[in-house]
C-alpha atoms as a PDB file:
ATOM      1  CA  MET A   1     -11.098  22.060   8.868  1.00  0.00           C
ATOM      2  CA  LYS A   2     -12.065  21.977  12.495  1.00  0.00           C
ATOM      3  CA  ASN A   3      -9.677  20.311  14.896  1.00  0.00           C
ATOM      4  CA  ASN A   4     -12.422  18.146  16.374  1.00  0.00           C
ATOM      5  CA  LEU A   5     -12.704  16.386  13.006  1.00  0.00           C
ATOM      6  CA  LEU A   6      -9.040  15.432  13.063  1.00  0.00           C
ATOM      7  CA  PHE A   7      -7.569  12.318  14.623  1.00  0.00           C
ATOM      8  CA  TYR A   8      -4.407  11.825  16.579  1.00  0.00           C
ATOM      9  CA  VAL A   9      -2.438   8.698  15.702  1.00  0.00           C
ATOM     10  CA  LEU A  10       0.313   8.113  18.260  1.00  0.00           C
ATOM     11  CA  PHE A  11       2.708   5.334  17.355  1.00  0.00           C
ATOM     12  CA  GLY A  12       4.686   3.790  20.230  1.00  0.00           C
ATOM     13  CA  ILE A  13       8.470   3.689  20.255  1.00  0.00           C
ATOM     14  CA  ALA A  14       9.869   0.192  19.798  1.00  0.00           C
ATOM     15  CA  LEU A  15      10.656  -0.356  23.465  1.00  0.00           C
ATOM     16  CA  LEU A  16       7.149   0.641  24.472  1.00  0.00           C
ATOM     17  CA  ILE A  17       5.326  -1.577  21.991  1.00  0.00           C
ATOM     18  CA  PRO A  18       4.266  -5.009  23.270  1.00  0.00           C
ATOM     19  CA  LYS A  19       6.153  -7.785  21.502  1.00  0.00           C
ATOM     20  CA  ALA A  20       2.830  -9.391  20.567  1.00  0.00           C
ATOM     21  CA  TYR A  21       2.157  -6.413  18.320  1.00  0.00           C
ATOM     22  CA  SER A  22       5.545  -5.563  16.811  1.00  0.00           C
ATOM     23  CA  ASP A  23       8.642  -7.591  16.072  1.00  0.00           C
ATOM     24  CA  ASN A  24      10.260  -5.717  13.209  1.00  0.00           C
ATOM     25  CA  PRO A  25      11.484  -6.742  10.732  1.00  0.00           C
ATOM     26  CA  ILE A  26       8.836  -9.430  10.296  1.00  0.00           C
ATOM     27  CA  ARG A  27      10.065 -12.337   8.180  1.00  0.00           C
ATOM     28  CA  ASN A  28       8.665 -15.452   9.864  1.00  0.00           C
ATOM     29  CA  GLY A  29       6.780 -17.441   7.200  1.00  0.00           C
ATOM     30  CA  LEU A  30       7.146 -14.758   4.509  1.00  0.00           C
ATOM     31  CA  PRO A  31       9.194 -15.075   1.277  1.00  0.00           C
ATOM     32  CA  GLU A  32      12.902 -15.632   1.829  1.00  0.00           C
ATOM     33  CA  TYR A  33      13.922 -12.946  -0.661  1.00  0.00           C
ATOM     34  CA  GLY A  34      11.540 -10.343   0.700  1.00  0.00           C
ATOM     35  CA  ILE A  35       8.091  -8.871   0.236  1.00  0.00           C
ATOM     36  CA  ARG A  36       7.016  -5.252  -0.272  1.00  0.00           C
ATOM     37  CA  ASP A  37       3.734  -3.353  -0.755  1.00  0.00           C
ATOM     38  CA  CYS A  38       2.128  -5.476   1.948  1.00  0.00           C
ATOM     39  CA  HIS A  39      -1.623  -5.191   2.481  1.00  0.00           C
ATOM     40  CA  ILE A  40      -3.344  -6.682   5.544  1.00  0.00           C
ATOM     41  CA  LEU A  41      -7.015  -7.564   5.938  1.00  0.00           C
ATOM     42  CA  TYR A  42      -8.433  -8.496   9.346  1.00  0.00           C
ATOM     43  CA  ASP A  43     -11.256 -10.932   8.666  1.00  0.00           C
ATOM     44  CA  LYS A  44     -13.017 -13.485  10.870  1.00  0.00           C
ATOM     45  CA  HIS A  45     -10.560 -13.146  13.776  1.00  0.00           C
ATOM     46  CA  SER A  46      -7.464 -13.690  11.606  1.00  0.00           C
ATOM     47  CA  TYR A  47      -5.029 -11.464   9.737  1.00  0.00           C
ATOM     48  CA  PHE A  48      -4.504 -12.053   6.020  1.00  0.00           C
ATOM     49  CA  LEU A  49      -1.692 -10.590   3.943  1.00  0.00           C
ATOM     50  CA  VAL A  50      -0.809 -10.213   0.275  1.00  0.00           C
ATOM     51  CA  GLY A  51       2.136  -8.311  -1.182  1.00  0.00           C
ATOM     52  CA  THR A  52       4.669  -7.949  -3.979  1.00  0.00           C
ATOM     53  CA  GLU A  53       6.835 -11.001  -3.494  1.00  0.00           C
ATOM     54  CA  ILE A  54      10.468 -11.130  -4.570  1.00  0.00           C
ATOM     55  CA  ALA A  55      11.013 -14.366  -6.492  1.00  0.00           C
ATOM     56  CA  PRO A  56      14.180 -16.430  -5.988  1.00  0.00           C
ATOM     57  CA  PRO A  57      16.968 -15.564  -8.462  1.00  0.00           C
ATOM     58  CA  GLY A  58      16.260 -16.882 -11.940  1.00  0.00           C
ATOM     59  CA  GLU A  59      12.623 -17.724 -11.180  1.00  0.00           C
ATOM     60  CA  GLU A  60       9.364 -16.079 -12.229  1.00  0.00           C
ATOM     61  CA  LYS A  61       6.744 -15.054  -9.691  1.00  0.00           C
ATOM     62  CA  LYS A  62       4.145 -17.817  -9.394  1.00  0.00           C
ATOM     63  CA  GLY A  63       1.238 -15.429  -8.845  1.00  0.00           C
ATOM     64  CA  ILE A  64      -0.287 -13.966  -5.691  1.00  0.00           C
ATOM     65  CA  THR A  65       0.037 -15.896  -2.419  1.00  0.00           C
ATOM     66  CA  LEU A  66      -2.228 -15.414   0.597  1.00  0.00           C
ATOM     67  CA  TYR A  67      -0.621 -15.513   4.046  1.00  0.00           C
ATOM     68  CA  ALA A  68      -2.404 -15.748   7.417  1.00  0.00           C
ATOM     69  CA  SER A  69      -1.439 -14.933  11.004  1.00  0.00           C
ATOM     70  CA  SER A  70      -3.032 -14.836  14.436  1.00  0.00           C
ATOM     71  CA  ASP A  71      -0.530 -12.415  15.998  1.00  0.00           C
ATOM     72  CA  LEU A  72       0.940 -10.338  13.099  1.00  0.00           C
ATOM     73  CA  LYS A  73       4.374 -11.900  13.761  1.00  0.00           C
ATOM     74  CA  LYS A  74       4.232 -15.482  12.477  1.00  0.00           C
ATOM     75  CA  TRP A  75       2.757 -15.984   9.018  1.00  0.00           C
ATOM     76  CA  ARG A  76       1.890 -19.101   7.050  1.00  0.00           C
ATOM     77  CA  LYS A  77       0.938 -19.732   3.434  1.00  0.00           C
ATOM     78  CA  GLN A  78      -2.760 -20.321   2.811  1.00  0.00           C
ATOM     79  CA  ALA A  79      -3.311 -20.456  -0.925  1.00  0.00           C
ATOM     80  CA  LEU A  80      -2.123 -19.281  -4.322  1.00  0.00           C
ATOM     81  CA  LEU A  81      -5.001 -16.932  -5.102  1.00  0.00           C
ATOM     82  CA  ILE A  82      -4.168 -16.541  -8.786  1.00  0.00           C
ATOM     83  CA  SER A  83      -1.576 -18.678 -10.552  1.00  0.00           C
ATOM     84  CA  ARG A  84       0.585 -17.367 -13.393  1.00  0.00           C
ATOM     85  CA  ASP A  85       0.171 -20.744 -15.090  1.00  0.00           C
ATOM     86  CA  SER A  86      -3.592 -20.125 -15.381  1.00  0.00           C
ATOM     87  CA  ILE A  87      -3.117 -16.912 -17.389  1.00  0.00           C
ATOM     88  CA  PRO A  88      -2.844 -17.188 -21.212  1.00  0.00           C
ATOM     89  CA  VAL A  89       0.664 -16.495 -22.514  1.00  0.00           C
ATOM     90  CA  ASP A  90      -0.615 -13.622 -24.695  1.00  0.00           C
ATOM     91  CA  SER A  91      -2.473 -11.939 -21.834  1.00  0.00           C
ATOM     92  CA  ARG A  92      -1.590  -8.325 -21.073  1.00  0.00           C
ATOM     93  CA  PHE A  93      -1.117  -9.185 -17.392  1.00  0.00           C
ATOM     94  CA  ARG A  94       0.661 -12.530 -17.139  1.00  0.00           C
ATOM     95  CA  ASP A  95       3.578 -11.017 -15.224  1.00  0.00           C
ATOM     96  CA  GLY A  96       4.178  -8.377 -12.601  1.00  0.00           C
ATOM     97  CA  TRP A  97       1.781  -9.306  -9.800  1.00  0.00           C
ATOM     98  CA  ASP A  98       2.639  -5.990  -8.190  1.00  0.00           C
ATOM     99  CA  SER A  99       1.062  -4.297  -5.154  1.00  0.00           C
ATOM    100  CA  PRO A 100      -1.872  -6.675  -4.611  1.00  0.00           C
ATOM    101  CA  GLU A 101      -4.613  -5.673  -2.195  1.00  0.00           C
ATOM    102  CA  LEU A 102      -7.467  -7.679  -0.722  1.00  0.00           C
ATOM    103  CA  HIS A 103     -10.750  -6.056   0.350  1.00  0.00           C
ATOM    104  CA  HIS A 104     -14.019  -7.472   1.689  1.00  0.00           C
ATOM    105  CA  ILE A 105     -16.813  -5.399   0.129  1.00  0.00           C
ATOM    106  CA  ARG A 106     -20.516  -6.232  -0.216  1.00  0.00           C
ATOM    107  CA  GLY A 107     -20.002  -9.835   0.827  1.00  0.00           C
ATOM    108  CA  ARG A 108     -17.260 -10.567  -1.717  1.00  0.00           C
ATOM    109  CA  TYR A 109     -13.480 -10.555  -1.590  1.00  0.00           C
ATOM    110  CA  ILE A 110     -11.948  -8.261  -4.184  1.00  0.00           C
ATOM    111  CA  LEU A 111      -8.328  -8.785  -5.176  1.00  0.00           C
ATOM    112  CA  SER A 112      -6.524  -6.069  -7.129  1.00  0.00           C
ATOM    113  CA  PHE A 113      -3.015  -6.174  -8.567  1.00  0.00           C
ATOM    114  CA  GLY A 114      -0.827  -4.600 -11.228  1.00  0.00           C
ATOM    115  CA  GLY A 115       0.220  -6.749 -14.170  1.00  0.00           C
ATOM    116  CA  ARG A 116       2.061  -6.628 -17.473  1.00  0.00           C
ATOM    117  CA  ASN A 117       3.364  -9.058 -20.084  1.00  0.00           C
ATOM    118  CA  ASN A 118       7.146  -9.122 -19.869  1.00  0.00           C
ATOM    119  CA  SER A 119       7.532 -10.886 -23.210  1.00  0.00           C
ATOM    120  CA  VAL A 120       5.738  -8.007 -24.963  1.00  0.00           C
ATOM    121  CA  ASN A 121       6.753  -4.923 -22.985  1.00  0.00           C
ATOM    122  CA  PRO A 122       8.729  -5.639 -19.829  1.00  0.00           C
ATOM    123  CA  TYR A 123       9.201  -1.955 -18.960  1.00  0.00           C
ATOM    124  CA  SER A 124       5.646  -0.691 -19.390  1.00  0.00           C
ATOM    125  CA  PRO A 125       3.628   0.649 -16.438  1.00  0.00           C
ATOM    126  CA  THR A 126       1.567  -2.056 -14.800  1.00  0.00           C
ATOM    127  CA  GLU A 127      -2.134  -2.246 -15.592  1.00  0.00           C
ATOM    128  CA  ILE A 128      -4.722  -2.796 -12.872  1.00  0.00           C
ATOM    129  CA  VAL A 129      -6.588  -6.098 -12.785  1.00  0.00           C
ATOM    130  CA  LEU A 130      -9.447  -7.119 -10.457  1.00  0.00           C
ATOM    131  CA  ALA A 131     -10.553 -10.602  -9.372  1.00  0.00           C
ATOM    132  CA  VAL A 132     -13.376 -11.643  -7.039  1.00  0.00           C
ATOM    133  CA  SER A 133     -14.228 -14.625  -4.832  1.00  0.00           C
ATOM    134  CA  GLU A 134     -16.851 -15.652  -2.305  1.00  0.00           C
ATOM    135  CA  SER A 135     -14.086 -17.043  -0.061  1.00  0.00           C
ATOM    136  CA  ILE A 136     -10.943 -15.292   1.026  1.00  0.00           C
ATOM    137  CA  ARG A 137      -8.881 -18.326   0.009  1.00  0.00           C
ATOM    138  CA  GLY A 138     -10.438 -18.454  -3.443  1.00  0.00           C
ATOM    139  CA  PRO A 139     -10.848 -19.507  -6.136  1.00  0.00           C
ATOM    140  CA  TYR A 140     -10.701 -16.019  -7.661  1.00  0.00           C
ATOM    141  CA  ARG A 141     -12.252 -15.077 -10.982  1.00  0.00           C
ATOM    142  CA  ILE A 142     -10.772 -12.217 -13.001  1.00  0.00           C
ATOM    143  CA  VAL A 143     -13.554  -9.749 -13.841  1.00  0.00           C
ATOM    144  CA  THR A 144     -11.482  -7.256 -15.855  1.00  0.00           C
ATOM    145  CA  PRO A 145     -10.287  -8.906 -19.094  1.00  0.00           C
ATOM    146  CA  GLU A 146      -9.193  -5.408 -20.069  1.00  0.00           C
ATOM    147  CA  PRO A 147      -7.286  -3.690 -17.242  1.00  0.00           C
ATOM    148  CA  ILE A 148      -9.089  -0.790 -15.564  1.00  0.00           C
ATOM    149  CA  VAL A 149      -6.256   1.757 -15.705  1.00  0.00           C
ATOM    150  CA  LYS A 150      -2.503   1.961 -16.065  1.00  0.00           C
ATOM    151  CA  GLY A 151      -0.895   2.633 -12.725  1.00  0.00           C
ATOM    152  CA  ASN A 152       0.434   1.226  -9.478  1.00  0.00           C
ATOM    153  CA  ARG A 153      -0.768   0.461  -5.946  1.00  0.00           C
ATOM    154  CA  PHE A 154      -4.489   0.415  -6.682  1.00  0.00           C
ATOM    155  CA  THR A 155      -6.576   0.584  -3.494  1.00  0.00           C
ATOM    156  CA  LEU A 156     -10.287   0.693  -2.650  1.00  0.00           C
ATOM    157  CA  MET A 157     -12.305   2.503   0.022  1.00  0.00           C
ATOM    158  CA  GLU A 158     -15.993   1.880   0.747  1.00  0.00           C
ATOM    159  CA  ASP A 159     -17.673   5.063   1.963  1.00  0.00           C
ATOM    160  CA  THR A 160     -20.387   5.124   4.615  1.00  0.00           C
ATOM    161  CA  ASP A 161     -23.042   5.608   1.906  1.00  0.00           C
ATOM    162  CA  GLY A 162     -21.932   2.397   0.149  1.00  0.00           C
ATOM    163  CA  GLN A 163     -20.103   4.060  -2.738  1.00  0.00           C
ATOM    164  CA  VAL A 164     -16.707   2.512  -3.436  1.00  0.00           C
ATOM    165  CA  TYR A 165     -13.778   4.673  -4.549  1.00  0.00           C
ATOM    166  CA  ALA A 166     -10.504   3.681  -6.190  1.00  0.00           C
ATOM    167  CA  TYR A 167      -7.114   5.350  -5.727  1.00  0.00           C
ATOM    168  CA  TRP A 168      -3.773   4.701  -7.428  1.00  0.00           C
ATOM    169  CA  GLU A 169      -0.410   6.160  -8.471  1.00  0.00           C
ATOM    170  CA  LEU A 170       0.777   6.968 -11.993  1.00  0.00           C
ATOM    171  CA  ASP A 171       3.981   8.812 -12.916  1.00  0.00           C
ATOM    172  CA  GLY A 172       4.458  10.088  -9.378  1.00  0.00           C
ATOM    173  CA  SER A 173       0.968  11.586  -8.989  1.00  0.00           C
ATOM    174  CA  LEU A 174      -2.091  10.212  -7.194  1.00  0.00           C
ATOM    175  CA  TYR A 175      -5.404   9.618  -8.982  1.00  0.00           C
ATOM    176  CA  GLY A 176      -8.904   8.587  -7.938  1.00  0.00           C
ATOM    177  CA  ALA A 177     -12.383   7.790  -9.229  1.00  0.00           C
ATOM    178  CA  PRO A 178     -15.632   6.176  -8.040  1.00  0.00           C
ATOM    179  CA  MET A 179     -16.148   2.527  -8.959  1.00  0.00           C
ATOM    180  CA  ASN A 180     -19.183   1.371 -10.919  1.00  0.00           C
ATOM    181  CA  GLU A 181     -22.014  -0.592  -9.320  1.00  0.00           C
ATOM    182  CA  ASN A 182     -20.571  -3.989 -10.334  1.00  0.00           C
ATOM    183  CA  LEU A 183     -17.137  -3.074  -8.953  1.00  0.00           C
ATOM    184  CA  ASP A 184     -15.438  -4.164 -12.168  1.00  0.00           C
ATOM    185  CA  GLY A 185     -14.629  -0.729 -13.588  1.00  0.00           C
ATOM    186  CA  LEU A 186     -14.672   3.004 -13.012  1.00  0.00           C
ATOM    187  CA  ALA A 187     -17.925   4.953 -12.969  1.00  0.00           C
ATOM    188  CA  ARG A 188     -16.316   7.993 -14.590  1.00  0.00           C
ATOM    189  CA  GLU A 189     -13.007   9.342 -15.844  1.00  0.00           C
ATOM    190  CA  PRO A 190     -10.179   9.464 -13.268  1.00  0.00           C
ATOM    191  CA  GLN A 191      -9.103  12.749 -11.759  1.00  0.00           C
ATOM    192  CA  MET A 192      -5.721  13.751 -10.398  1.00  0.00           C
ATOM    193  CA  LEU A 193      -5.836  14.128  -6.614  1.00  0.00           C
ATOM    194  CA  LEU A 194      -2.285  15.151  -5.760  1.00  0.00           C
ATOM    195  CA  ALA A 195       0.840  15.914  -7.787  1.00  0.00           C
ATOM    196  CA  PRO A 196       4.478  16.430  -6.732  1.00  0.00           C
ATOM    197  CA  ARG A 197       5.117  19.879  -5.226  1.00  0.00           C
ATOM    198  CA  GLN A 198       1.396  20.547  -4.904  1.00  0.00           C
ATOM    199  CA  LEU A 199       1.547  20.417  -1.099  1.00  0.00           C
ATOM    200  CA  ARG A 200       5.302  20.784  -0.483  1.00  0.00           C
ATOM    201  CA  ALA A 201       7.771  22.446  -2.824  1.00  0.00           C
ATOM    202  CA  ASP A 202      10.490  19.794  -2.553  1.00  0.00           C
ATOM    203  CA  ASP A 203       8.349  16.676  -3.060  1.00  0.00           C
ATOM    204  CA  ARG A 204       9.584  14.575  -5.978  1.00  0.00           C
ATOM    205  CA  PHE A 205       7.390  11.477  -6.275  1.00  0.00           C
ATOM    206  CA  LEU A 206       4.110  10.585  -4.569  1.00  0.00           C
ATOM    207  CA  ASP A 207       3.303   6.927  -4.102  1.00  0.00           C
ATOM    208  CA  ALA A 208       1.256   4.254  -2.340  1.00  0.00           C
ATOM    209  CA  PRO A 209      -2.108   5.907  -1.577  1.00  0.00           C
ATOM    210  CA  SER A 210      -4.546   4.521   0.979  1.00  0.00           C
ATOM    211  CA  VAL A 211      -7.702   6.206   2.246  1.00  0.00           C
ATOM    212  CA  LEU A 212      -9.698   5.993   5.481  1.00  0.00           C
ATOM    213  CA  LYS A 213     -12.795   7.909   6.565  1.00  0.00           C
ATOM    214  CA  LEU A 214     -12.745   8.799  10.260  1.00  0.00           C
ATOM    215  CA  ALA A 215     -15.430  10.920  11.938  1.00  0.00           C
ATOM    216  CA  GLY A 216     -16.497  12.458   8.636  1.00  0.00           C
ATOM    217  CA  THR A 217     -12.990  13.353   7.483  1.00  0.00           C
ATOM    218  CA  TYR A 218     -11.147  11.551   4.684  1.00  0.00           C
ATOM    219  CA  TYR A 219      -7.486  10.725   5.306  1.00  0.00           C
ATOM    220  CA  LEU A 220      -5.251  10.103   2.293  1.00  0.00           C
ATOM    221  CA  PHE A 221      -2.023   8.391   3.394  1.00  0.00           C
ATOM    222  CA  TYR A 222       0.909   8.266   0.978  1.00  0.00           C
ATOM    223  CA  THR A 223       4.702   8.122   0.747  1.00  0.00           C
ATOM    224  CA  VAL A 224       6.996  10.688  -0.842  1.00  0.00           C
ATOM    225  CA  PHE A 225      10.501  10.698  -2.269  1.00  0.00           C
ATOM    226  CA  LYS A 226      12.621  13.655  -1.111  1.00  0.00           C
ATOM    227  CA  GLY A 227      16.315  12.781  -0.753  1.00  0.00           C
ATOM    228  CA  GLY A 228      15.008   9.905   1.299  1.00  0.00           C
ATOM    229  CA  TYR A 229      11.460   8.730   1.855  1.00  0.00           C
ATOM    230  CA  TYR A 230       8.772  10.031   4.154  1.00  0.00           C
ATOM    231  CA  ALA A 231       5.190   9.090   4.936  1.00  0.00           C
ATOM    232  CA  ALA A 232       2.495  11.748   5.190  1.00  0.00           C
ATOM    233  CA  TYR A 233      -1.238  12.280   5.000  1.00  0.00           C
ATOM    234  CA  ALA A 234      -3.677  14.832   3.637  1.00  0.00           C
ATOM    235  CA  THR A 235      -7.283  15.462   4.689  1.00  0.00           C
ATOM    236  CA  SER A 236     -10.483  16.418   2.908  1.00  0.00           C
ATOM    237  CA  ASP A 237     -14.225  16.715   3.429  1.00  0.00           C
ATOM    238  CA  SER A 238     -14.755  14.802   0.165  1.00  0.00           C
ATOM    239  CA  PRO A 239     -13.501  11.359  -0.940  1.00  0.00           C
ATOM    240  CA  LEU A 240     -11.819  12.873  -4.018  1.00  0.00           C
ATOM    241  CA  GLY A 241     -10.591  16.129  -2.483  1.00  0.00           C
ATOM    242  CA  ALA A 242      -9.589  18.916  -2.550  1.00  0.00           C
ATOM    243  CA  TRP A 243      -6.809  17.791  -0.169  1.00  0.00           C
ATOM    244  CA  SER A 244      -4.857  19.837   2.346  1.00  0.00           C
ATOM    245  CA  SER A 245      -1.824  19.011   4.454  1.00  0.00           C
ATOM    246  CA  ARG A 246       0.410  20.749   6.986  1.00  0.00           C
ATOM    247  CA  GLN A 247       4.083  20.261   7.730  1.00  0.00           C
ATOM    248  CA  SER A 248       3.077  18.509  10.960  1.00  0.00           C
ATOM    249  CA  ASP A 249       1.162  15.933   8.888  1.00  0.00           C
ATOM    250  CA  ILE A 250       4.424  14.170   7.991  1.00  0.00           C
ATOM    251  CA  LEU A 251       4.316  10.892   9.901  1.00  0.00           C
ATOM    252  CA  PHE A 252       7.928   9.736   9.674  1.00  0.00           C
ATOM    253  CA  TYR A 253      11.007  10.216   7.510  1.00  0.00           C
ATOM    254  CA  ARG A 254      14.137   8.247   6.608  1.00  0.00           C
ATOM    255  CA  SER A 255      16.967  10.220   5.001  1.00  0.00           C
ATOM    256  CA  GLU A 256      20.041   9.132   3.084  1.00  0.00           C
ATOM    257  CA  ASP A 257      22.155   9.751   6.158  1.00  0.00           C
ATOM    258  CA  GLN A 258      20.228   7.031   7.976  1.00  0.00           C
ATOM    259  CA  ALA A 259      20.979   4.410   5.332  1.00  0.00           C
ATOM    260  CA  PRO A 260      23.642   1.836   6.256  1.00  0.00           C
ATOM    261  CA  THR A 261      25.791   2.453   3.170  1.00  0.00           C
ATOM    262  CA  GLN A 262      28.703   4.658   2.111  1.00  0.00           C
ATOM    263  CA  LEU A 263      27.158   5.544  -1.253  1.00  0.00           C
ATOM    264  CA  ARG A 264      25.593   8.944  -1.779  1.00  0.00           C
ATOM    265  CA  GLY A 265      23.435  10.086  -4.685  1.00  0.00           C
ATOM    266  CA  THR A 266      23.327  13.453  -6.465  1.00  0.00           C
ATOM    267  CA  TYR A 267      20.212  14.882  -8.037  1.00  0.00           C
ATOM    268  CA  ALA A 268      20.776  16.912 -11.199  1.00  0.00           C
ATOM    269  CA  ALA A 269      17.182  16.790 -12.443  1.00  0.00           C
ATOM    270  CA  PRO A 270      14.071  17.505 -10.350  1.00  0.00           C
ATOM    271  CA  LEU A 271      12.598  14.041 -10.804  1.00  0.00           C
ATOM    272  CA  THR A 272      15.831  12.039 -10.660  1.00  0.00           C
ATOM    273  CA  PHE A 273      15.741   9.638  -7.753  1.00  0.00           C
ATOM    274  CA  ALA A 274      17.798   6.594  -6.842  1.00  0.00           C
ATOM    275  CA  PRO A 275      19.372   7.371  -3.483  1.00  0.00           C
ATOM    276  CA  PRO A 276      20.974   4.695  -1.333  1.00  0.00           C
ATOM    277  CA  CYS A 277      18.504   5.514   1.410  1.00  0.00           C
ATOM    278  CA  GLU A 278      16.288   3.283   3.444  1.00  0.00           C
ATOM    279  CA  ILE A 279      13.022   3.048   1.549  1.00  0.00           C
ATOM    280  CA  ILE A 280       9.709   3.213   3.353  1.00  0.00           C
ATOM    281  CA  GLY A 281       6.587   2.383   1.395  1.00  0.00           C
ATOM    282  CA  ASN A 282       2.979   1.366   1.228  1.00  0.00           C
ATOM    283  CA  ILE A 283       1.842   2.531   4.663  1.00  0.00           C
ATOM    284  CA  GLN A 284      -1.516   1.174   5.810  1.00  0.00           C
ATOM    285  CA  LEU A 285      -3.464   2.088   8.935  1.00  0.00           C
ATOM    286  CA  PHE A 286      -5.857  -0.708   9.896  1.00  0.00           C
ATOM    287  CA  ARG A 287      -7.893  -2.091  12.780  1.00  0.00           C
ATOM    288  CA  GLY A 288      -7.337  -5.552  14.191  1.00  0.00           C
ATOM    289  CA  LYS A 289      -8.304  -7.668  17.173  1.00  0.00           C
ATOM    290  CA  GLY A 290     -10.035  -5.798  19.964  1.00  0.00           C
ATOM    291  CA  LYS A 291     -10.493  -2.866  17.544  1.00  0.00           C
ATOM    292  CA  ARG A 292      -6.846  -1.941  18.128  1.00  0.00           C
ATOM    293  CA  TRP A 293      -5.135   0.224  15.515  1.00  0.00           C
ATOM    294  CA  TYR A 294      -1.922  -0.716  13.698  1.00  0.00           C
ATOM    295  CA  ILE A 295       0.260   0.710  10.970  1.00  0.00           C
ATOM    296  CA  ALA A 296       1.882  -1.608   8.432  1.00  0.00           C
ATOM    297  CA  TYR A 297       4.579  -0.634   5.946  1.00  0.00           C
ATOM    298  CA  HIS A 298       7.597  -2.090   4.208  1.00  0.00           C
ATOM    299  CA  SER A 299      11.166  -0.967   4.619  1.00  0.00           C
ATOM    300  CA  GLU A 300      14.338  -1.857   2.803  1.00  0.00           C
ATOM    301  CA  ASP A 301      17.960  -0.827   2.595  1.00  0.00           C
ATOM    302  CA  LYS A 302      19.223   0.074  -0.851  1.00  0.00           C
ATOM    303  CA  TYR A 303      20.242  -3.137  -2.664  1.00  0.00           C
ATOM    304  CA  ALA A 304      18.749  -5.298   0.108  1.00  0.00           C
ATOM    305  CA  GLU A 305      15.577  -7.340   0.408  1.00  0.00           C
ATOM    306  CA  PRO A 306      12.369  -5.563   1.518  1.00  0.00           C
ATOM    307  CA  PHE A 307      10.656  -6.637   4.712  1.00  0.00           C
ATOM    308  CA  LEU A 308       7.365  -6.114   6.513  1.00  0.00           C
ATOM    309  CA  CYS A 309       7.068  -3.828   9.548  1.00  0.00           C
ATOM    310  CA  ILE A 310       4.036  -3.431  11.838  1.00  0.00           C
ATOM    311  CA  ASP A 311       3.599  -1.073  14.770  1.00  0.00           C
ATOM    312  CA  SER A 312       0.730  -0.404  17.102  1.00  0.00           C
ATOM    313  CA  ALA A 313      -1.176   2.887  16.914  1.00  0.00           C
ATOM    314  CA  THR A 314      -3.510   4.912  19.101  1.00  0.00           C
ATOM    315  CA  VAL A 315      -6.320   6.990  17.579  1.00  0.00           C
ATOM    316  CA  VAL A 316      -7.707   9.858  19.672  1.00  0.00           C
ATOM    317  CA  PRO A 317      -8.932  13.365  18.758  1.00  0.00           C
ATOM    318  CA  GLY A 318      -6.165  15.761  17.784  1.00  0.00           C
ATOM    319  CA  GLU A 319      -3.279  15.591  15.296  1.00  0.00           C
ATOM    320  CA  ILE A 320      -1.334  12.732  13.667  1.00  0.00           C
ATOM    321  CA  LYS A 321       2.151  12.049  15.004  1.00  0.00           C
ATOM    322  CA  CYS A 322       4.248   8.911  15.187  1.00  0.00           C
ATOM    323  CA  ASN A 323       7.405   7.186  16.382  1.00  0.00           C
ATOM    324  CA  ILE A 324       8.137   4.152  14.227  1.00  0.00           C
ATOM    325  CA  SER A 325      10.116   1.161  15.493  1.00  0.00           C
ATOM    326  CA  LEU A 326      12.269   0.708  12.408  1.00  0.00           C
ATOM    327  CA  PRO A 327      14.965  -1.927  13.002  1.00  0.00           C
END
């Protein structure tokens, strides 16, 4: 792939990033016990956020809450987009509310999330549910009585020709498929996009896909478990691949040695993972006010609450490199 089709994303070091753009960890107005898998939508001069909220001890999640901000630092509750109390008790997706995302496509707001029914099978993979609304604050109407697929971290990307594509994770691999015209299901059978060890021999678990098209090239961002967690990207000339990646395409990495704990894990089996490392997940590159670029992600210490992080980014022709202002 020609270098002039690539983009260079340079992320400022914490001391160089204006405080108006980064104040990690970001907790102001967000759930007390943490939030992960955050997804941000810039819409009508405001930032809106949804994510996997951590409920207070002994309580169930109430549903999916929408938060708003004018500066990416201070957030405030806007609405409960979907309430758990409105879902029938025998529904397949009354619980979970994992990895929600909010997209504005074809004049409608599309909310996706992963759900399950904990009273039936609390340990099953989440199933993807979609809801739509004419207003970002709702009300939202579920349009998939039967979940689209089993999986996690379902995301959408609208191509320049108007076709919408879906991407998600299942069992440590990344999948994708085009959406149908009504945007309430897949247009054809899913295909595997990336699997562990496909690009790097020591990868153990791929997670949290997000896709952007920049100057004709598709960028697939994702996180990887490897004795720690790292964020990387792959590129393609097609929205569903084939995908390629170089060692220099690793954006940032947090190892076990960087975790503030004395515990250390051992890994007897190739896919065994539960290190006491600092976890980095659900990276998202997005544009905000003044067409400025940002990267959002969540970070957490082992056995500690997850929190939102946001850093500024610069996009110019070249490669992708970064310095993240992790606290």
